Amino acid sequence: MSVIVLREKEIAFSAEEKGLLKHSYGKPYKIPVIPHTPWQKKPIPIPKPIIPQFIELVRERIRTGLYEQSTSSYTSPVFCVAKSNGKLRIVHDLQDLNKVTIKDAGLPPHIEEFVDAFSGRACYGLGDIMGGYDERELDISTRPLTTFETPLGRLQLTRLPQGATNSVAVYQAQMTWILQEEIPENVGIFIDDGGIKGPRSTYNNEALQENNLIRRFIWEYAVTLERILFRIEEAGLTISGIKFACCVPALDIVGHVVSLNARKISKQKINKIQIWPKPLNKKELSGFLGLCAYVRMFIQNFSQIASPLRRLTRDDEEWEWSTKFDEAFEKLRKIRGEEITLKNLDYEKGAGKIKLAGDSSYIAAGAVLTQEDKGKDRLALYEFITFSRLESKYLQSKLELCGVAKMLKSLQKVLWGQHFELQADAKALIYMINSPCLPNTPMTRLVAFIQLFFFGLVHKPGKTFTIPDGLSRRPESEDEEKEKNDFDEEEEWIKPHPGFGVKHKNIIKLAGIKLP
């Protein structure tokens, strides 16, 4: 509580309390555009019942400096939508501006990596910047590009506009710059959401020596929180008091719930999947599959269920919805992913053994990553990689080898430099990985990449080898075309990694790191 009192000016509850980014942290943003002709779009009529509320909202934004008078030759429409609390939100239609904007290449963090970095903390905090983009000034020279009509006259934006092509990239870069000293150990930034990370342990709830009424991990978190709030205040920004989570044992961030021992999908994300309407074209189906893939690591047999739908989105496939697509679509919609809890991998000395079990069919490679915990294997994630049409024609031996290589490439950020157990049901696969030379060059390159990882091979007979992806058990079609033995195309995605020396029998040496 003393931290909140100390930094109370940093927490805002009204538009008047919102901050403004200091120019020393970010100059007013100038929207880069190509040569173009000014556009004049007709206004979208505002429904009469909400006009009074719309006008009041415009007046408030003029009063707080978000809007100013304009004499520009540009005009873009605006309209209103209702927020979850029943209040109106003004939306600026910036499609014409986006068409002439030079795009910023910046992107937010990869979601799976972002969430993984939050897992395994004793407590958390969440700070949403008050007003978000409204705290970054727009350069005077580009403000006319945002002009719009209102009952109070022609106005233009003075702050970074929502819906503009570069706003996400600009804002992500801004917040990362402000909190760079705290990233990645203490803070994770995903646009305007800033997650605050507590210690990695509760220290068995031990108390401070100086004060036995305060637990050590809470004290350490409070020190970190105060420092982060200071950095945000120093930059001129403020945190939304309504959305501020000071200290919680679990955090709902970017569609996932993370805690000290596990992570799972948020109910809100699952609800979006469950209420998705039946797709009417490839674009709508791709959107649905994109949302489902967002939580694929939680879903058993995901690749088997989604495979027919994925094939339907291909450019060379005609859109013809049938019963089999209905069945696959309904299976994905009924997924109860919030009931699946994933273990956070523990890399500390003495932690349980990490195990990767995988298998391949002619459609995809499926895998499950687990870690021993109190005598049981606890699920860490599901993974699948769909094979290309060319790869699906490989001989079974090369298909198995390719599947292992692709799985390791996909999971290299969690397995690289860490000893783990690789389980396989194909004895031929074990022989190939341990073999110093193979019949053709592509297979040798696959083995060379696999041997960059530090693992022990374990054979699991097919009857006892139950991995989570049913694709590996799917029978092949009678007319499936197999590759010839002399196939030797380049595997371009396999590239050597500097800093690693490769030895056979699955041993690698990392510079400066001793492996058992």
Protein backbone atom coordinates (compact mmCIF):
# COMPACT_ATOMS: atom_id res chain seq x y z
CA MET A 1 0.00 0.00 0.00
CA SER A 2 2.89 2.40 0.75
CA VAL A 3 4.04 2.02 -2.88
CA ILE A 4 0.64 3.16 -4.15
CA VAL A 5 0.64 6.15 -1.78
CA LEU A 6 4.17 7.07 -2.82
CA ARG A 7 3.26 6.94 -6.53
CA GLU A 8 -0.35 8.10 -6.34
CA LYS A 9 0.21 10.82 -8.97
CA GLU A 10 1.11 8.06 -11.41
CA ILE A 11 -2.37 6.49 -11.18
CA ALA A 12 -5.17 8.30 -13.06
CA PHE A 13 -8.93 7.88 -12.76
CA SER A 14 -10.20 10.58 -15.15
CA ALA A 15 -9.36 12.06 -18.55
CA GLU A 16 -8.09 15.24 -16.89
CA GLU A 17 -5.46 13.21 -15.00
CA LYS A 18 -4.01 11.60 -18.12
CA GLY A 19 -0.35 12.23 -18.77
CA LEU A 20 1.54 13.24 -21.91
CA LEU A 21 4.77 11.66 -23.08
CA LYS A 22 7.76 13.93 -22.53
CA HIS A 23 9.59 14.91 -25.70
CA SER A 24 12.81 13.55 -24.20
CA TYR A 25 11.25 10.07 -24.42
CA GLY A 26 9.51 10.49 -27.76
CA LYS A 27 9.07 13.47 -30.04
CA PRO A 28 5.63 14.19 -31.54
CA TYR A 29 5.03 11.48 -34.12
CA LYS A 30 5.04 12.45 -37.79
CA ILE A 31 3.03 10.08 -39.99
CA PRO A 32 5.19 9.17 -43.03
CA VAL A 33 3.19 9.25 -46.27
CA ILE A 34 3.80 8.87 -49.98
CA PRO A 35 2.78 11.60 -52.48
CA HIS A 36 -1.01 11.58 -52.80
CA THR A 37 -4.13 13.60 -53.49
CA PRO A 38 -6.16 14.78 -50.45
CA TRP A 39 -9.37 12.84 -49.89
CA GLN A 40 -12.81 14.09 -48.92
CA LYS A 41 -15.11 11.37 -47.60
CA LYS A 42 -18.75 11.95 -46.74
CA PRO A 43 -19.53 11.85 -43.01
CA ILE A 44 -21.29 8.79 -41.60
CA PRO A 45 -24.61 9.94 -40.08
CA ILE A 46 -24.70 9.68 -36.28
CA PRO A 47 -28.01 8.14 -35.05
CA LYS A 48 -30.22 10.83 -33.49
CA PRO A 49 -30.68 9.08 -30.11
CA ILE A 50 -26.92 9.22 -29.41
CA ILE A 51 -26.12 12.65 -30.87
CA PRO A 52 -26.22 14.40 -27.44
CA GLN A 53 -23.83 11.82 -25.99
CA PHE A 54 -21.60 12.08 -29.07
CA ILE A 55 -21.42 15.88 -28.80
CA GLU A 56 -20.59 15.70 -25.10
CA LEU A 57 -17.79 13.24 -25.82
CA VAL A 58 -16.39 15.54 -28.53
CA ARG A 59 -16.51 18.50 -26.12
CA GLU A 60 -14.63 16.50 -23.51
CA ARG A 61 -11.90 15.65 -26.02
CA ILE A 62 -11.58 19.29 -27.07
CA ARG A 63 -11.34 20.29 -23.41
CA THR A 64 -8.61 17.71 -22.70
CA GLY A 65 -6.65 18.64 -25.83
CA LEU A 66 -7.25 15.48 -27.90
CA TYR A 67 -9.11 17.40 -30.64
CA GLU A 68 -8.42 20.82 -32.13
CA GLN A 69 -9.94 23.00 -34.85
CA SER A 70 -8.99 22.15 -38.44
CA THR A 71 -9.01 23.91 -41.81
CA SER A 72 -7.57 20.92 -43.67
CA SER A 73 -8.38 19.81 -47.22
CA TYR A 74 -8.78 16.22 -45.91
CA THR A 75 -11.93 14.66 -44.48
CA SER A 76 -12.33 11.17 -43.01
CA PRO A 77 -15.54 9.80 -41.48
CA VAL A 78 -16.11 8.92 -37.83
CA PHE A 79 -18.73 6.73 -36.18
CA CYS A 80 -19.63 5.48 -32.71
CA VAL A 81 -19.65 2.04 -31.09
CA ALA A 82 -20.79 1.02 -27.63
CA LYS A 83 -18.15 -0.08 -25.11
CA SER A 84 -18.72 -2.94 -22.66
CA ASN A 85 -19.67 -0.42 -19.96
CA GLY A 86 -22.39 1.09 -22.16
CA LYS A 87 -20.50 4.30 -22.94
CA LEU A 88 -19.72 5.44 -26.48
CA ARG A 89 -16.39 5.18 -28.23
CA ILE A 90 -15.60 7.40 -31.22
CA VAL A 91 -13.96 5.45 -34.04
CA HIS A 92 -11.98 7.25 -36.74
CA ASP A 93 -12.13 5.63 -40.17
CA LEU A 94 -8.55 6.04 -41.36
CA GLN A 95 -8.59 3.68 -44.34
CA ASP A 96 -7.59 6.39 -46.81
CA LEU A 97 -4.76 7.57 -44.58
CA ASN A 98 -3.51 4.01 -44.15
CA LYS A 99 -3.38 3.53 -47.93
CA VAL A 100 -0.77 6.28 -48.30
CA THR A 101 1.17 5.63 -45.07
CA ILE A 102 4.70 4.22 -45.24
CA LYS A 103 4.52 1.21 -42.94
CA ASP A 104 6.66 0.74 -39.86
CA ALA A 105 8.11 -2.80 -39.74
CA GLY A 106 7.87 -3.05 -35.94
CA LEU A 107 5.73 -5.79 -34.38
CA PRO A 108 4.50 -6.70 -30.89
CA PRO A 109 6.15 -9.71 -29.20
CA HIS A 110 5.31 -13.25 -30.30
CA ILE A 111 2.37 -14.22 -28.07
CA GLU A 112 3.55 -17.71 -27.08
CA GLU A 113 7.00 -16.42 -26.14
CA PHE A 114 5.48 -13.45 -24.34
CA VAL A 115 3.20 -15.66 -22.22
CA ASP A 116 5.92 -18.20 -21.55
CA ALA A 117 8.14 -15.45 -20.10
CA PHE A 118 5.39 -14.64 -17.58
CA SER A 119 4.87 -18.17 -16.31
CA GLY A 120 6.30 -19.26 -13.00
CA ARG A 121 6.17 -16.05 -10.93
CA ALA A 122 5.04 -15.78 -7.31
CA CYS A 123 2.87 -12.72 -8.02
CA TYR A 124 2.02 -10.27 -10.78
CA GLY A 125 0.81 -6.78 -11.57
CA LEU A 126 -0.86 -5.27 -14.64
CA GLY A 127 -0.69 -1.64 -15.68
CA ASP A 128 -2.73 -0.28 -18.58
CA ILE A 129 -1.52 3.13 -19.73
CA MET A 130 -4.36 5.62 -19.24
CA GLY A 131 -5.66 6.67 -22.62
CA GLY A 132 -3.07 4.57 -24.42
CA TYR A 133 -2.27 6.31 -27.68
CA ASP A 134 -3.71 9.57 -26.29
CA GLU A 135 -0.49 10.12 -24.33
CA ARG A 136 1.67 10.42 -27.47
CA GLU A 137 1.52 13.73 -29.36
CA LEU A 138 0.98 13.88 -33.11
CA ASP A 139 3.27 16.19 -35.05
CA ILE A 140 1.56 19.42 -36.10
CA SER A 141 2.45 18.85 -39.76
CA THR A 142 0.49 15.58 -39.97
CA ARG A 143 -2.54 16.45 -37.85
CA PRO A 144 -4.52 17.71 -40.89
CA LEU A 145 -4.45 14.14 -42.29
CA THR A 146 -6.85 13.10 -39.50
CA THR A 147 -9.53 15.79 -40.07
CA PHE A 148 -13.21 14.85 -39.59
CA GLU A 149 -16.62 16.53 -39.45
CA THR A 150 -18.71 16.95 -36.27
CA PRO A 151 -21.75 19.02 -35.24
CA LEU A 152 -19.19 21.30 -33.54
CA GLY A 153 -17.24 21.90 -36.76
CA ARG A 154 -14.20 20.42 -38.47
CA LEU A 155 -11.69 18.95 -36.03
CA GLN A 156 -8.41 17.04 -36.18
CA LEU A 157 -6.53 14.72 -33.84
CA THR A 158 -3.60 15.97 -31.76
CA ARG A 159 -2.53 12.54 -30.47
CA LEU A 160 -1.52 9.20 -31.98
CA PRO A 161 -4.66 7.85 -33.71
CA GLN A 162 -6.10 4.42 -33.00
CA GLY A 163 -6.54 2.42 -36.19
CA ALA A 164 -3.63 4.05 -38.00
CA THR A 165 -1.20 1.69 -39.74
CA ASN A 166 1.83 2.48 -37.60
CA SER A 167 0.25 3.20 -34.22
CA VAL A 168 0.81 -0.28 -32.77
CA ALA A 169 4.47 -0.38 -33.82
CA VAL A 170 5.12 3.16 -32.60
CA TYR A 171 3.48 2.56 -29.24
CA GLN A 172 5.20 -0.79 -28.70
CA ALA A 173 8.59 0.80 -29.40
CA GLN A 174 7.78 3.72 -27.10
CA MET A 175 6.88 1.58 -24.08
CA THR A 176 9.81 -0.75 -24.67
CA TRP A 177 12.16 2.23 -24.70
CA ILE A 178 10.74 3.65 -21.46
CA LEU A 179 10.99 0.33 -19.59
CA GLN A 180 14.06 -1.10 -21.32
CA GLU A 181 15.97 -1.46 -18.03
CA GLU A 182 13.21 -3.70 -16.63
CA ILE A 183 12.77 -5.94 -19.69
CA PRO A 184 12.60 -8.93 -19.73
CA GLU A 185 13.14 -9.91 -16.08
CA ASN A 186 10.61 -7.60 -14.41
CA VAL A 187 8.28 -6.37 -17.17
CA GLY A 188 6.68 -7.60 -20.37
CA ILE A 189 5.16 -5.07 -22.79
CA PHE A 190 2.40 -5.92 -25.24
CA ILE A 191 1.41 -2.56 -26.74
CA ASP A 192 -0.43 -0.65 -23.95
CA ASP A 193 -0.60 -3.61 -21.54
CA GLY A 194 2.37 -3.81 -19.22
CA GLY A 195 2.66 -6.95 -17.15
CA ILE A 196 4.78 -6.73 -14.00
CA LYS A 197 6.58 -9.90 -12.93
CA GLY A 198 7.20 -10.88 -9.33
CA PRO A 199 9.98 -13.13 -7.99
CA ARG A 200 10.35 -16.67 -9.33
CA SER A 201 9.81 -18.15 -5.86
CA THR A 202 7.77 -17.57 -2.71
CA TYR A 203 10.86 -18.56 -0.69
CA ASN A 204 8.55 -20.85 1.30
CA ASN A 205 6.79 -17.70 2.54
CA GLU A 206 9.75 -16.72 4.68
CA ALA A 207 9.57 -13.30 6.32
CA LEU A 208 12.03 -10.43 6.14
CA GLN A 209 14.61 -10.37 8.88
CA GLU A 210 13.91 -6.68 9.44
CA ASN A 211 10.12 -7.18 9.69
CA ASN A 212 8.58 -10.60 10.26
CA LEU A 213 5.16 -9.28 9.19
CA ILE A 214 6.30 -8.89 5.58
CA ARG A 215 7.03 -11.87 3.36
CA ARG A 216 10.26 -11.69 1.40
CA PHE A 217 8.77 -12.23 -2.07
CA ILE A 218 6.14 -9.52 -1.47
CA TRP A 219 8.84 -7.06 -0.41
CA GLU A 220 10.94 -7.80 -3.49
CA TYR A 221 7.89 -7.34 -5.71
CA ALA A 222 6.99 -4.04 -4.02
CA VAL A 223 10.49 -2.69 -4.67
CA THR A 224 10.22 -3.67 -8.35
CA LEU A 225 6.71 -2.19 -8.67
CA GLU A 226 7.76 1.14 -7.17
CA ARG A 227 10.72 1.38 -9.54
CA ILE A 228 8.56 0.63 -12.59
CA LEU A 229 5.94 3.20 -11.59
CA PHE A 230 8.73 5.75 -11.16
CA ARG A 231 10.02 5.08 -14.69
CA ILE A 232 6.53 5.53 -16.16
CA GLU A 233 5.97 8.73 -14.17
CA GLU A 234 9.36 10.07 -15.23
CA ALA A 235 8.32 9.60 -18.88
CA GLY A 236 5.19 11.68 -18.27
CA LEU A 237 2.67 8.84 -18.58
CA THR A 238 -0.03 7.63 -16.21
CA ILE A 239 -1.61 4.24 -15.40
CA SER A 240 -5.36 3.65 -15.46
CA GLY A 241 -6.46 3.25 -11.84
CA ILE A 242 -9.57 1.32 -12.88
CA LYS A 243 -7.57 -1.31 -14.77
CA PHE A 244 -4.55 -1.42 -12.47
CA ALA A 245 -3.84 -4.78 -10.79
CA CYS A 246 -1.39 -4.10 -7.98
CA CYS A 247 -0.46 -7.59 -6.76
CA VAL A 248 -2.24 -10.81 -7.74
CA PRO A 249 -1.28 -14.53 -7.59
CA ALA A 250 -2.44 -15.16 -11.18
CA LEU A 251 -2.62 -12.86 -14.18
CA ASP A 252 -4.90 -12.87 -17.23
CA ILE A 253 -2.79 -11.41 -20.04
CA VAL A 254 -3.18 -11.65 -23.85
CA GLY A 255 -5.71 -14.48 -23.55
CA HIS A 256 -3.75 -16.65 -21.11
CA VAL A 257 -3.83 -17.06 -17.34
CA VAL A 258 -0.37 -17.46 -15.81
CA SER A 259 0.64 -18.34 -12.25
CA LEU A 260 3.55 -19.76 -10.26
CA ASN A 261 2.96 -23.38 -11.23
CA ALA A 262 0.98 -23.34 -14.48
CA ARG A 263 -0.74 -21.51 -17.30
CA LYS A 264 -4.06 -21.99 -19.07
CA ILE A 265 -6.32 -20.35 -21.63
CA SER A 266 -8.57 -17.55 -20.41
CA LYS A 267 -12.32 -18.19 -20.51
CA GLN A 268 -12.79 -15.08 -22.66
CA LYS A 269 -10.59 -16.53 -25.41
CA ILE A 270 -12.40 -19.87 -25.31
CA ASN A 271 -15.76 -18.11 -25.49
CA LYS A 272 -14.70 -16.36 -28.71
CA ILE A 273 -13.98 -19.75 -30.28
CA GLN A 274 -17.25 -21.26 -29.08
CA ILE A 275 -19.49 -18.48 -30.45
CA TRP A 276 -17.73 -18.20 -33.84
CA PRO A 277 -20.35 -18.47 -36.61
CA LYS A 278 -20.09 -21.04 -39.40
CA PRO A 279 -17.60 -19.75 -42.03
CA LEU A 280 -19.03 -18.77 -45.40
CA ASN A 281 -15.74 -18.38 -47.28
CA LYS A 282 -11.99 -19.03 -47.03
CA LYS A 283 -11.29 -15.68 -45.38
CA GLU A 284 -13.72 -16.36 -42.53
CA LEU A 285 -12.38 -19.90 -42.10
CA SER A 286 -8.78 -18.62 -41.99
CA GLY A 287 -9.79 -16.18 -39.27
CA PHE A 288 -11.31 -18.98 -37.21
CA LEU A 289 -8.26 -21.24 -37.64
CA GLY A 290 -5.99 -18.35 -36.70
CA LEU A 291 -7.88 -17.91 -33.44
CA CYS A 292 -7.74 -21.65 -32.74
CA ALA A 293 -4.03 -21.85 -33.52
CA TYR A 294 -3.55 -19.16 -30.89
CA VAL A 295 -4.31 -21.82 -28.25
CA ARG A 296 -3.08 -24.91 -30.09
CA MET A 297 -0.44 -25.80 -27.49
CA PHE A 298 -3.32 -26.58 -25.10
CA ILE A 299 -5.35 -28.76 -27.46
CA GLN A 300 -4.89 -32.49 -27.79
CA ASN A 301 -5.21 -33.80 -31.38
CA PHE A 302 -5.40 -30.25 -32.71
CA SER A 303 -3.70 -31.05 -36.01
CA GLN A 304 -5.92 -34.07 -36.63
CA ILE A 305 -9.08 -32.04 -36.02
CA ALA A 306 -7.99 -28.96 -37.97
CA SER A 307 -6.33 -30.74 -40.92
CA PRO A 308 -9.38 -30.88 -43.27
CA LEU A 309 -10.20 -27.24 -42.54
CA ARG A 310 -6.63 -26.15 -43.22
CA ARG A 311 -6.63 -27.93 -46.58
CA LEU A 312 -9.84 -26.13 -47.54
CA THR A 313 -8.10 -22.74 -47.17
CA ARG A 314 -5.47 -23.55 -49.81
CA ASP A 315 -5.50 -21.44 -52.97
CA ASP A 316 -5.83 -24.48 -55.22
CA GLU A 317 -8.84 -25.87 -53.29
CA GLU A 318 -12.37 -24.92 -54.33
CA TRP A 319 -14.71 -23.75 -51.59
CA GLU A 320 -17.20 -26.55 -51.09
CA TRP A 321 -18.41 -26.98 -47.51
CA SER A 322 -19.47 -30.52 -46.63
CA THR A 323 -20.35 -32.68 -43.61
CA LYS A 324 -16.73 -33.49 -42.77
CA PHE A 325 -15.96 -29.79 -42.46
CA ASP A 326 -19.00 -29.31 -40.23
CA GLU A 327 -17.75 -32.06 -37.94
CA ALA A 328 -14.25 -30.60 -37.69
CA PHE A 329 -15.60 -27.09 -37.13
CA GLU A 330 -17.91 -28.22 -34.33
CA LYS A 331 -15.15 -30.21 -32.62
CA LEU A 332 -12.95 -27.13 -32.46
CA ARG A 333 -15.81 -24.97 -31.21
CA LYS A 334 -16.56 -27.39 -28.36
CA ILE A 335 -13.02 -27.36 -27.03
CA ARG A 336 -12.89 -26.58 -23.32
CA GLY A 337 -9.32 -25.37 -23.26
CA GLU A 338 -9.61 -23.54 -19.94
CA GLU A 339 -9.81 -26.97 -18.27
CA ILE A 340 -6.31 -27.83 -19.55
CA THR A 341 -3.48 -26.57 -17.37
CA LEU A 342 0.09 -26.55 -18.65
CA LYS A 343 3.14 -26.86 -16.41
CA ASN A 344 5.82 -24.21 -16.53
CA LEU A 345 9.13 -25.81 -17.46
CA ASP A 346 11.64 -25.73 -14.62
CA TYR A 347 15.27 -25.44 -15.76
CA GLU A 348 16.80 -25.26 -12.28
CA LYS A 349 19.31 -27.85 -11.12
CA GLY A 350 17.53 -30.85 -9.61
CA ALA A 351 14.28 -30.21 -11.50
CA GLY A 352 12.44 -33.12 -13.11
CA LYS A 353 13.49 -34.59 -16.44
CA ILE A 354 12.04 -32.90 -19.55
CA LYS A 355 10.63 -35.33 -22.10
CA LEU A 356 9.69 -34.82 -25.75
CA ALA A 357 7.60 -37.54 -27.38
CA GLY A 358 6.84 -37.25 -31.08
CA ASP A 359 5.62 -39.19 -34.08
CA SER A 360 4.93 -38.45 -37.74
CA SER A 361 2.31 -39.35 -40.29
CA TYR A 362 2.23 -38.27 -43.91
CA ILE A 363 0.13 -35.25 -42.86
CA ALA A 364 1.96 -33.81 -39.84
CA ALA A 365 4.34 -34.34 -36.96
CA GLY A 366 2.77 -34.31 -33.52
CA ALA A 367 4.50 -33.97 -30.17
CA VAL A 368 3.93 -33.57 -26.46
CA LEU A 369 6.39 -31.94 -24.08
CA THR A 370 6.27 -33.01 -20.43
CA GLN A 371 8.36 -32.71 -17.28
CA GLU A 372 8.64 -35.08 -14.35
CA ASP A 373 7.12 -33.66 -11.18
CA LYS A 374 6.73 -35.70 -7.98
CA GLY A 375 6.93 -38.96 -9.87
CA LYS A 376 4.46 -37.99 -12.62
CA ASP A 377 4.86 -36.55 -16.10
CA ARG A 378 3.09 -33.19 -16.20
CA LEU A 379 2.02 -31.67 -19.52
CA ALA A 380 3.97 -28.60 -20.66
CA LEU A 381 2.57 -28.19 -24.20
CA TYR A 382 1.22 -29.85 -27.32
CA GLU A 383 2.86 -29.09 -30.66
CA PHE A 384 2.13 -29.96 -34.26
CA ILE A 385 3.75 -29.13 -37.57
CA THR A 386 1.91 -29.81 -40.81
CA PHE A 387 4.03 -31.21 -43.63
CA SER A 388 4.09 -29.61 -47.07
CA ARG A 389 2.83 -31.65 -50.02
CA LEU A 390 6.41 -32.38 -51.01
CA GLU A 391 7.39 -33.50 -47.52
CA SER A 392 4.30 -35.70 -47.23
CA LYS A 393 5.68 -37.82 -50.10
CA TYR A 394 8.86 -38.74 -48.22
CA LEU A 395 9.60 -42.36 -47.40
CA GLN A 396 8.53 -43.19 -43.85
CA SER A 397 12.12 -43.22 -42.56
CA LYS A 398 12.87 -39.75 -43.86
CA LEU A 399 9.41 -38.56 -42.80
CA GLU A 400 10.16 -39.55 -39.19
CA LEU A 401 13.54 -37.80 -39.36
CA CYS A 402 12.02 -34.68 -40.88
CA GLY A 403 9.31 -34.65 -38.20
CA VAL A 404 11.86 -34.72 -35.36
CA ALA A 405 13.92 -31.95 -36.97
CA LYS A 406 10.87 -29.73 -37.47
CA MET A 407 9.65 -30.29 -33.91
CA LEU A 408 13.06 -29.38 -32.50
CA LYS A 409 13.23 -26.29 -34.70
CA SER A 410 9.79 -25.22 -33.48
CA LEU A 411 10.69 -25.81 -29.82
CA GLN A 412 14.32 -24.69 -29.92
CA LYS A 413 13.62 -21.66 -27.73
CA VAL A 414 12.56 -23.91 -24.85
CA LEU A 415 14.91 -26.86 -25.49
CA TRP A 416 18.13 -25.28 -26.78
CA GLY A 417 21.08 -26.08 -24.49
CA GLN A 418 18.86 -28.06 -22.09
CA HIS A 419 19.19 -31.82 -21.66
CA PHE A 420 15.96 -33.70 -22.36
CA GLU A 421 14.72 -37.17 -23.20
CA LEU A 422 13.61 -37.73 -26.81
CA GLN A 423 11.12 -40.57 -27.08
CA ALA A 424 10.41 -42.39 -30.37
CA ASP A 425 8.64 -45.60 -31.34
CA ALA A 426 10.65 -46.17 -34.54
CA LYS A 427 13.92 -48.07 -34.03
CA ALA A 428 15.04 -46.94 -37.49
CA LEU A 429 14.79 -43.32 -36.35
CA ILE A 430 17.08 -44.00 -33.40
CA TYR A 431 19.61 -45.66 -35.71
CA MET A 432 19.53 -42.76 -38.21
CA ILE A 433 20.07 -40.11 -35.54
CA ASN A 434 23.04 -42.01 -34.14
CA SER A 435 24.43 -42.82 -37.58
CA PRO A 436 27.44 -40.76 -38.75
CA CYS A 437 26.46 -41.10 -42.42
CA LEU A 438 23.20 -41.67 -44.29
CA PRO A 439 22.28 -42.63 -47.89
CA ASN A 440 21.66 -39.09 -49.10
CA THR A 441 22.71 -35.54 -48.32
CA PRO A 442 19.31 -34.11 -47.24
CA MET A 443 18.96 -36.78 -44.54
CA THR A 444 22.50 -36.09 -43.33
CA ARG A 445 21.64 -32.40 -42.97
CA LEU A 446 18.55 -33.30 -40.97
CA VAL A 447 20.63 -35.43 -38.61
CA ALA A 448 23.26 -32.68 -38.30
CA PHE A 449 20.59 -30.24 -37.14
CA ILE A 450 19.04 -32.74 -34.70
CA GLN A 451 22.43 -33.45 -33.14
CA LEU A 452 22.83 -29.79 -32.23
CA PHE A 453 20.47 -30.51 -29.32
CA PHE A 454 21.49 -32.21 -26.07
CA PHE A 455 19.25 -35.23 -25.47
CA GLY A 456 19.09 -38.92 -24.77
CA LEU A 457 17.15 -41.22 -27.10
CA VAL A 458 14.60 -43.63 -25.63
CA HIS A 459 12.72 -46.23 -27.65
CA LYS A 460 9.04 -46.63 -26.77
CA PRO A 461 7.24 -49.61 -28.36
CA GLY A 462 4.18 -48.63 -30.37
CA LYS A 463 1.76 -50.34 -27.98
CA THR A 464 2.97 -48.26 -25.04
CA PHE A 465 3.70 -45.07 -26.97
CA THR A 466 0.58 -42.92 -26.68
CA ILE A 467 1.43 -39.41 -27.85
CA PRO A 468 -1.27 -36.75 -27.98
CA ASP A 469 -1.51 -36.25 -31.72
CA GLY A 470 -3.66 -38.84 -33.50
CA LEU A 471 -2.25 -37.85 -36.87
CA SER A 472 0.69 -40.16 -36.27
CA ARG A 473 -1.70 -43.11 -36.18
CA ARG A 474 -3.66 -42.12 -39.27
CA PRO A 475 -3.49 -44.72 -42.09
CA GLU A 476 -2.04 -43.68 -45.44
CA SER A 477 -4.22 -43.45 -48.53
CA GLU A 478 -3.81 -46.17 -51.14
CA ASP A 479 -2.88 -43.77 -53.91
CA GLU A 480 -0.32 -41.83 -51.87
CA GLU A 481 2.77 -41.13 -53.97
CA LYS A 482 6.07 -41.96 -52.27
CA GLU A 483 9.36 -40.22 -52.95
CA LYS A 484 12.21 -41.95 -54.73
CA ASN A 485 15.32 -42.97 -52.84
CA ASP A 486 17.51 -40.60 -54.82
CA PHE A 487 15.51 -37.48 -53.84
CA ASP A 488 18.08 -34.86 -52.82
CA GLU A 489 16.47 -31.43 -52.81
CA GLU A 490 17.83 -28.75 -50.47
CA GLU A 491 16.39 -28.48 -46.98
CA GLU A 492 16.81 -24.70 -46.83
CA TRP A 493 15.29 -24.28 -43.38
CA ILE A 494 18.08 -26.39 -41.84
CA LYS A 495 20.93 -23.99 -41.11
CA PRO A 496 24.03 -24.42 -38.97
CA HIS A 497 24.04 -22.55 -35.66
CA PRO A 498 27.31 -20.81 -34.68
CA GLY A 499 28.76 -21.41 -31.25
CA PHE A 500 27.97 -25.13 -31.16
CA GLY A 501 30.27 -28.05 -31.86
CA VAL A 502 28.53 -31.23 -33.03
CA LYS A 503 29.47 -34.73 -31.94
CA HIS A 504 27.71 -37.96 -32.67
CA LYS A 505 25.78 -39.84 -29.98
CA ASN A 506 23.80 -36.67 -29.25
CA ILE A 507 26.43 -34.62 -27.43
CA ILE A 508 26.94 -30.93 -27.99
CA LYS A 509 29.34 -28.48 -26.48
CA LEU A 510 28.37 -24.90 -25.79
CA ALA A 511 31.06 -22.29 -25.33
CA GLY A 512 31.40 -21.56 -21.66
CA ILE A 513 28.75 -24.08 -20.57
CA LYS A 514 29.58 -27.46 -19.11
CA LEU A 515 27.13 -30.20 -19.86
CA PRO A 516 26.93 -33.46 -17.89
